[in-house]
C-alpha atoms as a PDB file:
ATOM      1  CA  MET A   1     -90.816 -34.921   6.583  1.00  0.00           C
ATOM      2  CA  ASN A   2     -90.643 -38.507   8.460  1.00  0.00           C
ATOM      3  CA  GLU A   3     -92.743 -41.325   6.964  1.00  0.00           C
ATOM      4  CA  ASP A   4     -94.300 -41.862  10.189  1.00  0.00           C
ATOM      5  CA  HIS A   5     -95.795 -38.569   9.275  1.00  0.00           C
ATOM      6  CA  LEU A   6     -96.724 -39.218   5.488  1.00  0.00           C
ATOM      7  CA  HIS A   7     -98.339 -42.552   6.704  1.00  0.00           C
ATOM      8  CA  ARG A   8    -100.369 -41.130   9.535  1.00  0.00           C
ATOM      9  CA  PRO A   9    -103.896 -39.836   9.298  1.00  0.00           C
ATOM     10  CA  GLN A  10    -103.926 -35.784  10.990  1.00  0.00           C
ATOM     11  CA  ILE A  11    -106.001 -35.160  14.103  1.00  0.00           C
ATOM     12  CA  LYS A  12    -109.032 -32.961  14.393  1.00  0.00           C
ATOM     13  CA  ILE A  13    -109.700 -32.186  17.703  1.00  0.00           C
ATOM     14  CA  CYS A  14    -113.920 -30.882  17.846  1.00  0.00           C
ATOM     15  CA  GLY A  15    -115.993 -29.056  19.342  1.00  0.00           C
ATOM     16  CA  LEU A  16    -113.805 -27.232  21.788  1.00  0.00           C
ATOM     17  CA  THR A  17    -115.444 -24.382  24.017  1.00  0.00           C
ATOM     18  CA  ARG A  18    -112.345 -22.980  25.873  1.00  0.00           C
ATOM     19  CA  THR A  19    -108.824 -21.669  24.727  1.00  0.00           C
ATOM     20  CA  ASP A  20    -107.557 -23.856  27.858  1.00  0.00           C
ATOM     21  CA  GLU A  21    -108.656 -26.898  26.271  1.00  0.00           C
ATOM     22  CA  ALA A  22    -107.486 -26.185  22.463  1.00  0.00           C
ATOM     23  CA  ARG A  23    -104.309 -25.431  23.406  1.00  0.00           C
ATOM     24  CA  LYS A  24    -104.050 -28.172  25.217  1.00  0.00           C
ATOM     25  CA  CYS A  25    -104.928 -30.704  22.337  1.00  0.00           C
ATOM     26  CA  ALA A  26    -102.468 -28.342  20.360  1.00  0.00           C
ATOM     27  CA  GLU A  27     -99.780 -29.234  22.724  1.00  0.00           C
ATOM     28  CA  LEU A  28    -100.811 -32.820  22.675  1.00  0.00           C
ATOM     29  CA  GLY A  29    -100.176 -33.390  19.016  1.00  0.00           C
ATOM     30  CA  ALA A  30    -103.645 -31.851  17.019  1.00  0.00           C
ATOM     31  CA  ASP A  31    -103.370 -30.798  13.915  1.00  0.00           C
ATOM     32  CA  ALA A  32    -106.608 -29.272  14.135  1.00  0.00           C
ATOM     33  CA  ILE A  33    -109.718 -28.053  15.974  1.00  0.00           C
ATOM     34  CA  GLY A  34    -112.975 -27.687  15.471  1.00  0.00           C
ATOM     35  CA  LEU A  35    -115.524 -25.045  16.456  1.00  0.00           C
ATOM     36  CA  VAL A  36    -118.847 -24.794  16.209  1.00  0.00           C
ATOM     37  CA  PHE A  37    -121.422 -22.026  15.013  1.00  0.00           C
ATOM     38  CA  PHE A  38    -124.406 -24.021  15.934  1.00  0.00           C
ATOM     39  CA  LYS A  39    -127.209 -22.960  18.786  1.00  0.00           C
ATOM     40  CA  LYS A  40    -129.053 -25.988  19.112  1.00  0.00           C
ATOM     41  CA  SER A  41    -125.738 -27.599  19.564  1.00  0.00           C
ATOM     42  CA  PRO A  42    -124.109 -27.894  23.732  1.00  0.00           C
ATOM     43  CA  ARG A  43    -120.736 -26.672  21.857  1.00  0.00           C
ATOM     44  CA  ASN A  44    -122.090 -23.465  20.205  1.00  0.00           C
ATOM     45  CA  LEU A  45    -119.340 -20.778  20.848  1.00  0.00           C
ATOM     46  CA  ASP A  46    -120.498 -17.485  19.929  1.00  0.00           C
ATOM     47  CA  ARG A  47    -117.667 -15.208  17.286  1.00  0.00           C
ATOM     48  CA  GLU A  48    -115.832 -13.824  20.997  1.00  0.00           C
ATOM     49  CA  GLN A  49    -115.197 -16.837  22.299  1.00  0.00           C
ATOM     50  CA  ALA A  50    -114.098 -18.540  19.236  1.00  0.00           C
ATOM     51  CA  ARG A  51    -111.621 -15.303  18.374  1.00  0.00           C
ATOM     52  CA  GLU A  52    -109.619 -15.616  21.654  1.00  0.00           C
ATOM     53  CA  ILE A  53    -109.038 -19.846  20.711  1.00  0.00           C
ATOM     54  CA  VAL A  54    -107.447 -18.937  17.795  1.00  0.00           C
ATOM     55  CA  GLU A  55    -106.031 -16.087  18.906  1.00  0.00           C
ATOM     56  CA  ASN A  56    -104.556 -18.584  21.176  1.00  0.00           C
ATOM     57  CA  LEU A  57    -103.682 -21.382  19.099  1.00  0.00           C
ATOM     58  CA  PRO A  58    -100.184 -21.859  17.613  1.00  0.00           C
ATOM     59  CA  GLY A  59    -100.086 -20.829  13.740  1.00  0.00           C
ATOM     60  CA  HIS A  60     -99.612 -24.849  12.610  1.00  0.00           C
ATOM     61  CA  VAL A  61    -102.708 -25.568  14.126  1.00  0.00           C
ATOM     62  CA  SER A  62    -105.676 -25.268  12.081  1.00  0.00           C
ATOM     63  CA  THR A  63    -108.790 -24.328  12.702  1.00  0.00           C
ATOM     64  CA  VAL A  64    -112.237 -25.046  11.753  1.00  0.00           C
ATOM     65  CA  GLY A  65    -115.648 -23.341  12.148  1.00  0.00           C
ATOM     66  CA  VAL A  66    -118.422 -25.801  12.160  1.00  0.00           C
ATOM     67  CA  PHE A  67    -121.416 -24.643  10.026  1.00  0.00           C
ATOM     68  CA  VAL A  68    -125.296 -26.029   9.859  1.00  0.00           C
ATOM     69  CA  ASN A  69    -127.612 -24.841   6.905  1.00  0.00           C
ATOM     70  CA  GLU A  70    -126.211 -21.086   7.084  1.00  0.00           C
ATOM     71  CA  THR A  71    -125.920 -18.075   4.156  1.00  0.00           C
ATOM     72  CA  PHE A  72    -122.498 -17.066   2.869  1.00  0.00           C
ATOM     73  CA  ASP A  73    -122.640 -14.227   4.585  1.00  0.00           C
ATOM     74  CA  PHE A  74    -122.771 -15.774   7.815  1.00  0.00           C
ATOM     75  CA  ILE A  75    -120.353 -17.988   7.788  1.00  0.00           C
ATOM     76  CA  MET A  76    -117.551 -15.685   6.004  1.00  0.00           C
ATOM     77  CA  ASP A  77    -118.483 -13.051   8.801  1.00  0.00           C
ATOM     78  CA  HIS A  78    -117.741 -15.263  11.378  1.00  0.00           C
ATOM     79  CA  VAL A  79    -114.490 -16.845   9.148  1.00  0.00           C
ATOM     80  CA  ASN A  80    -113.116 -13.115   9.014  1.00  0.00           C
ATOM     81  CA  PHE A  81    -113.581 -12.098  12.881  1.00  0.00           C
ATOM     82  CA  CYS A  82    -112.605 -15.434  14.475  1.00  0.00           C
ATOM     83  CA  GLY A  83    -109.822 -15.736  11.911  1.00  0.00           C
ATOM     84  CA  LEU A  84    -110.704 -19.059  10.604  1.00  0.00           C
ATOM     85  CA  SER A  85    -108.830 -21.329   8.312  1.00  0.00           C
ATOM     86  CA  ALA A  86    -111.021 -23.992   6.989  1.00  0.00           C
ATOM     87  CA  VAL A  87    -114.943 -24.583   6.625  1.00  0.00           C
ATOM     88  CA  GLN A  88    -116.928 -27.631   7.850  1.00  0.00           C
ATOM     89  CA  LEU A  89    -120.356 -27.613   5.941  1.00  0.00           C
ATOM     90  CA  HIS A  90    -121.902 -30.313   7.964  1.00  0.00           C
ATOM     91  CA  GLY A  91    -125.797 -29.850   6.818  1.00  0.00           C
ATOM     92  CA  THR A  92    -128.075 -29.660   3.536  1.00  0.00           C
ATOM     93  CA  GLU A  93    -125.580 -26.805   2.095  1.00  0.00           C
ATOM     94  CA  PRO A  94    -125.895 -27.076  -2.277  1.00  0.00           C
ATOM     95  CA  PRO A  95    -123.146 -27.386  -4.412  1.00  0.00           C
ATOM     96  CA  ASP A  96    -123.421 -23.697  -5.320  1.00  0.00           C
ATOM     97  CA  LEU A  97    -122.531 -22.730  -1.675  1.00  0.00           C
ATOM     98  CA  VAL A  98    -119.124 -25.229  -1.612  1.00  0.00           C
ATOM     99  CA  ASN A  99    -118.383 -23.823  -4.851  1.00  0.00           C
ATOM    100  CA  ARG A 100    -118.472 -19.612  -3.684  1.00  0.00           C
ATOM    101  CA  LEU A 101    -116.933 -20.839  -0.627  1.00  0.00           C
ATOM    102  CA  MET A 102    -113.856 -22.574  -2.707  1.00  0.00           C
ATOM    103  CA  ASP A 103    -112.922 -19.530  -4.412  1.00  0.00           C
ATOM    104  CA  THR A 104    -112.234 -17.648  -1.530  1.00  0.00           C
ATOM    105  CA  LYS A 105    -109.357 -20.284  -1.433  1.00  0.00           C
ATOM    106  CA  LEU A 106    -110.062 -21.569   2.535  1.00  0.00           C
ATOM    107  CA  THR A 107    -110.127 -24.677   3.096  1.00  0.00           C
ATOM    108  CA  ILE A 108    -113.965 -26.547   2.556  1.00  0.00           C
ATOM    109  CA  ILE A 109    -114.492 -29.325   4.073  1.00  0.00           C
ATOM    110  CA  LYS A 110    -118.102 -30.901   3.687  1.00  0.00           C
ATOM    111  CA  CYS A 111    -120.208 -33.406   5.745  1.00  0.00           C
ATOM    112  CA  LEU A 112    -121.081 -36.048   3.552  1.00  0.00           C
ATOM    113  CA  TYR A 113    -123.188 -39.826   4.999  1.00  0.00           C
ATOM    114  CA  MET A 114    -122.719 -42.966   3.975  1.00  0.00           C
ATOM    115  CA  GLU A 115    -126.121 -43.894   4.142  1.00  0.00           C
ATOM    116  CA  ASN A 116    -127.189 -42.235   1.418  1.00  0.00           C
ATOM    117  CA  GLU A 117    -126.780 -43.195  -2.005  1.00  0.00           C
ATOM    118  CA  PRO A 118    -125.699 -42.134  -4.638  1.00  0.00           C
ATOM    119  CA  PHE A 119    -122.382 -41.432  -2.142  1.00  0.00           C
ATOM    120  CA  LEU A 120    -120.157 -40.853  -4.829  1.00  0.00           C
ATOM    121  CA  THR A 121    -122.053 -38.614  -6.690  1.00  0.00           C
ATOM    122  CA  ASP A 122    -122.577 -36.811  -3.919  1.00  0.00           C
ATOM    123  CA  ALA A 123    -118.776 -35.963  -3.495  1.00  0.00           C
ATOM    124  CA  ASP A 124    -118.574 -35.235  -7.091  1.00  0.00           C
ATOM    125  CA  THR A 125    -121.349 -32.332  -7.467  1.00  0.00           C
ATOM    126  CA  TYR A 126    -120.124 -31.084  -3.690  1.00  0.00           C
ATOM    127  CA  ASN A 127    -115.876 -30.495  -5.234  1.00  0.00           C
ATOM    128  CA  ALA A 128    -114.878 -29.322  -2.097  1.00  0.00           C
ATOM    129  CA  SER A 129    -111.228 -29.310  -0.799  1.00  0.00           C
ATOM    130  CA  ALA A 130    -112.374 -32.535   1.071  1.00  0.00           C
ATOM    131  CA  TYR A 131    -114.980 -34.481   2.952  1.00  0.00           C
ATOM    132  CA  LEU A 132    -115.651 -35.906   6.231  1.00  0.00           C
ATOM    133  CA  VAL A 133    -117.682 -39.072   6.591  1.00  0.00           C
ATOM    134  CA  GLU A 134    -119.851 -39.951   8.449  1.00  0.00           C
ATOM    135  CA  CYS A 135    -122.353 -42.939   8.725  1.00  0.00           C
ATOM    136  CA  LYS A 136    -125.763 -41.314   8.886  1.00  0.00           C
ATOM    137  CA  LYS A 137    -126.848 -38.288  10.561  1.00  0.00           C
ATOM    138  CA  GLY A 138    -127.479 -38.331  14.312  1.00  0.00           C
ATOM    139  CA  ILE A 139    -129.162 -35.555  16.645  1.00  0.00           C
ATOM    140  CA  LEU A 140    -126.853 -33.098  16.345  1.00  0.00           C
ATOM    141  CA  PRO A 141    -123.979 -32.578  13.570  1.00  0.00           C
ATOM    142  CA  GLY A 142    -121.130 -34.318  14.797  1.00  0.00           C
ATOM    143  CA  GLY A 143    -120.219 -35.648  18.201  1.00  0.00           C
ATOM    144  CA  ASN A 144    -123.178 -38.452  18.097  1.00  0.00           C
ATOM    145  CA  ALA A 145    -120.882 -41.292  18.881  1.00  0.00           C
ATOM    146  CA  LEU A 146    -122.145 -43.298  16.689  1.00  0.00           C
ATOM    147  CA  SER A 147    -119.807 -46.372  15.395  1.00  0.00           C
ATOM    148  CA  TRP A 148    -120.348 -47.550  12.442  1.00  0.00           C
ATOM    149  CA  ASN A 149    -118.233 -50.359   9.452  1.00  0.00           C
ATOM    150  CA  TRP A 150    -115.471 -47.409   9.187  1.00  0.00           C
ATOM    151  CA  GLY A 151    -114.734 -49.884   6.605  1.00  0.00           C
ATOM    152  CA  ARG A 152    -117.283 -48.947   3.770  1.00  0.00           C
ATOM    153  CA  ALA A 153    -115.129 -45.752   3.429  1.00  0.00           C
ATOM    154  CA  LYS A 154    -111.947 -47.284   2.341  1.00  0.00           C
ATOM    155  CA  ASP A 155    -113.473 -47.031  -1.621  1.00  0.00           C
ATOM    156  CA  PHE A 156    -114.622 -43.052  -0.915  1.00  0.00           C
ATOM    157  CA  GLY A 157    -110.902 -42.470  -0.255  1.00  0.00           C
ATOM    158  CA  LYS A 158    -109.102 -43.934  -3.401  1.00  0.00           C
ATOM    159  CA  LEU A 159    -111.222 -41.304  -5.482  1.00  0.00           C
ATOM    160  CA  HIS A 160    -111.343 -37.968  -2.393  1.00  0.00           C
ATOM    161  CA  PRO A 161    -109.509 -37.134   0.313  1.00  0.00           C
ATOM    162  CA  PHE A 162    -111.452 -37.907   3.643  1.00  0.00           C
ATOM    163  CA  ILE A 163    -112.156 -37.204   7.599  1.00  0.00           C
ATOM    164  CA  LEU A 164    -113.447 -40.807   9.451  1.00  0.00           C
ATOM    165  CA  ALA A 165    -115.657 -39.249  12.294  1.00  0.00           C
ATOM    166  CA  GLY A 166    -117.964 -41.531  14.145  1.00  0.00           C
ATOM    167  CA  GLY A 167    -117.877 -43.865  16.954  1.00  0.00           C
ATOM    168  CA  LEU A 168    -114.119 -42.753  17.542  1.00  0.00           C
ATOM    169  CA  THR A 169    -111.983 -43.487  20.955  1.00  0.00           C
ATOM    170  CA  HIS A 170    -108.901 -44.023  21.794  1.00  0.00           C
ATOM    171  CA  GLU A 171    -110.045 -47.899  21.881  1.00  0.00           C
ATOM    172  CA  THR A 172    -111.243 -47.966  18.078  1.00  0.00           C
ATOM    173  CA  VAL A 173    -109.101 -45.870  16.325  1.00  0.00           C
ATOM    174  CA  ARG A 174    -106.262 -47.928  15.107  1.00  0.00           C
ATOM    175  CA  THR A 175    -108.795 -49.895  14.114  1.00  0.00           C
ATOM    176  CA  ALA A 176    -111.148 -47.501  12.610  1.00  0.00           C
ATOM    177  CA  ILE A 177    -107.673 -46.059  10.625  1.00  0.00           C
ATOM    178  CA  SER A 178    -107.039 -49.866   9.587  1.00  0.00           C
ATOM    179  CA  GLU A 179    -110.012 -50.907   7.828  1.00  0.00           C
ATOM    180  CA  ALA A 180    -111.012 -47.052   5.964  1.00  0.00           C
ATOM    181  CA  SER A 181    -107.536 -45.570   5.979  1.00  0.00           C
ATOM    182  CA  PRO A 182    -108.649 -42.038   5.851  1.00  0.00           C
ATOM    183  CA  ASP A 183    -106.546 -38.500   5.480  1.00  0.00           C
ATOM    184  CA  ALA A 184    -107.957 -37.671   9.040  1.00  0.00           C
ATOM    185  CA  VAL A 185    -109.204 -38.353  11.962  1.00  0.00           C
ATOM    186  CA  ASP A 186    -112.192 -36.576  13.583  1.00  0.00           C
ATOM    187  CA  ILE A 187    -113.509 -36.959  17.342  1.00  0.00           C
ATOM    188  CA  SER A 188    -115.429 -34.852  19.569  1.00  0.00           C
ATOM    189  CA  SER A 189    -118.029 -36.544  22.471  1.00  0.00           C
ATOM    190  CA  GLY A 190    -115.191 -39.872  22.203  1.00  0.00           C
ATOM    191  CA  VAL A 191    -112.341 -37.754  24.439  1.00  0.00           C
ATOM    192  CA  GLU A 192    -115.158 -35.712  26.734  1.00  0.00           C
ATOM    193  CA  SER A 193    -115.772 -35.245  30.255  1.00  0.00           C
ATOM    194  CA  SER A 194    -119.646 -33.766  29.212  1.00  0.00           C
ATOM    195  CA  PRO A 195    -120.674 -32.663  25.932  1.00  0.00           C
ATOM    196  CA  GLY A 196    -118.204 -29.310  25.295  1.00  0.00           C
ATOM    197  CA  ARG A 197    -115.587 -30.266  27.632  1.00  0.00           C
ATOM    198  CA  LYS A 198    -112.602 -31.971  26.657  1.00  0.00           C
ATOM    199  CA  ASP A 199    -111.107 -34.548  29.025  1.00  0.00           C
ATOM    200  CA  MET A 200    -107.531 -33.831  28.455  1.00  0.00           C
ATOM    201  CA  SER A 201    -106.321 -37.888  29.598  1.00  0.00           C
ATOM    202  CA  LYS A 202    -108.793 -38.915  26.670  1.00  0.00           C
ATOM    203  CA  VAL A 203    -107.110 -36.893  24.166  1.00  0.00           C
ATOM    204  CA  LYS A 204    -104.195 -37.800  25.010  1.00  0.00           C
ATOM    205  CA  SER A 205    -104.504 -41.349  24.639  1.00  0.00           C
ATOM    206  CA  PHE A 206    -106.514 -41.208  21.259  1.00  0.00           C
ATOM    207  CA  ILE A 207    -103.203 -38.872  19.843  1.00  0.00           C
ATOM    208  CA  GLU A 208    -101.269 -41.655  20.894  1.00  0.00           C
ATOM    209  CA  GLN A 209    -103.571 -44.292  19.314  1.00  0.00           C
ATOM    210  CA  VAL A 210    -103.009 -42.645  15.796  1.00  0.00           C
ATOM    211  CA  PHE A 211     -99.285 -41.817  16.555  1.00  0.00           C
ATOM    212  CA  GLN A 212     -98.879 -45.581  16.713  1.00  0.00           C
ATOM    213  CA  SER A 213    -100.931 -46.864  13.735  1.00  0.00           C
ATOM    214  CA  SER A 214     -97.872 -45.172  11.704  1.00  0.00           C
ATOM    215  CA  HIS A 215     -96.331 -47.991  12.695  1.00  0.00           C
ATOM    216  CA  GLU A 216     -98.878 -50.400  11.746  1.00  0.00           C
ATOM    217  CA  ASP A 217     -98.300 -51.675   7.771  1.00  0.00           C
ATOM    218  CA  SER A 218     -96.145 -49.003   6.591  1.00  0.00           C
ATOM    219  CA  ASN A 219     -95.824 -50.969   3.577  1.00  0.00           C
ATOM    220  CA  ASP A 220     -99.305 -51.361   2.712  1.00  0.00           C
ATOM    221  CA  ARG A 221    -100.596 -47.969   3.865  1.00  0.00           C
ATOM    222  CA  LYS A 222    -101.340 -45.267   1.691  1.00  0.00           C
ATOM    223  CA  ILE A 223     -99.381 -41.703   1.403  1.00  0.00           C
ATOM    224  CA  VAL A 224    -102.017 -39.523   3.550  1.00  0.00           C
ATOM    225  CA  ARG A 225    -103.042 -36.162   1.700  1.00  0.00           C
ATOM    226  CA  ARG A 226    -102.544 -32.933   3.307  1.00  0.00           C
ATOM    227  CA  ILE A 227    -105.731 -31.597   4.652  1.00  0.00           C
ATOM    228  CA  PHE A 228    -105.419 -29.434   7.196  1.00  0.00           C
END
């Protein structure tokens, strides 16, 4: 593993709805693909669509199912049917559900919001594999394009592995990485032409900017923790 890779945050492209676009994201360098299972979202997938995407991705790309206040059985049914490698909980799920999912040895990501207090106590309560950190809740679980003061998450990252989300684009991601020092970055609407459809030129530019970030101030940057 070269030194740049040690300092580069991992990249998750979320809200994929098409197999060809998911494969292209992987080819461009995405570490993880997010698949949304939430009927109110324009990026919602059924199990068959999601499995087709998973089956057509290279094995090194993590496939993350995004769920909102679903039951353990519902989540695991989708995990097993689709072949998912990670679960992201984007609702108000209780800690006991997180603990039960952690027992499956999957990577479990819990979304937390910086506007909520006490923020760090919430993370200690959940004890997930990693946390997706956003500023506040939008209308949908992700894909709301809400920008915020990313630097507020930096202290959180000293204690917990985390994915930075919210308001990221190819124009803002290097600043966000510099301010927050995340282990990974997550983007959905920032690389879309319309909800659920990815603009590959935006995806390419975003990934290139994340890779470029590994060259900046490498002596001061932390070694990122691998989430995916």
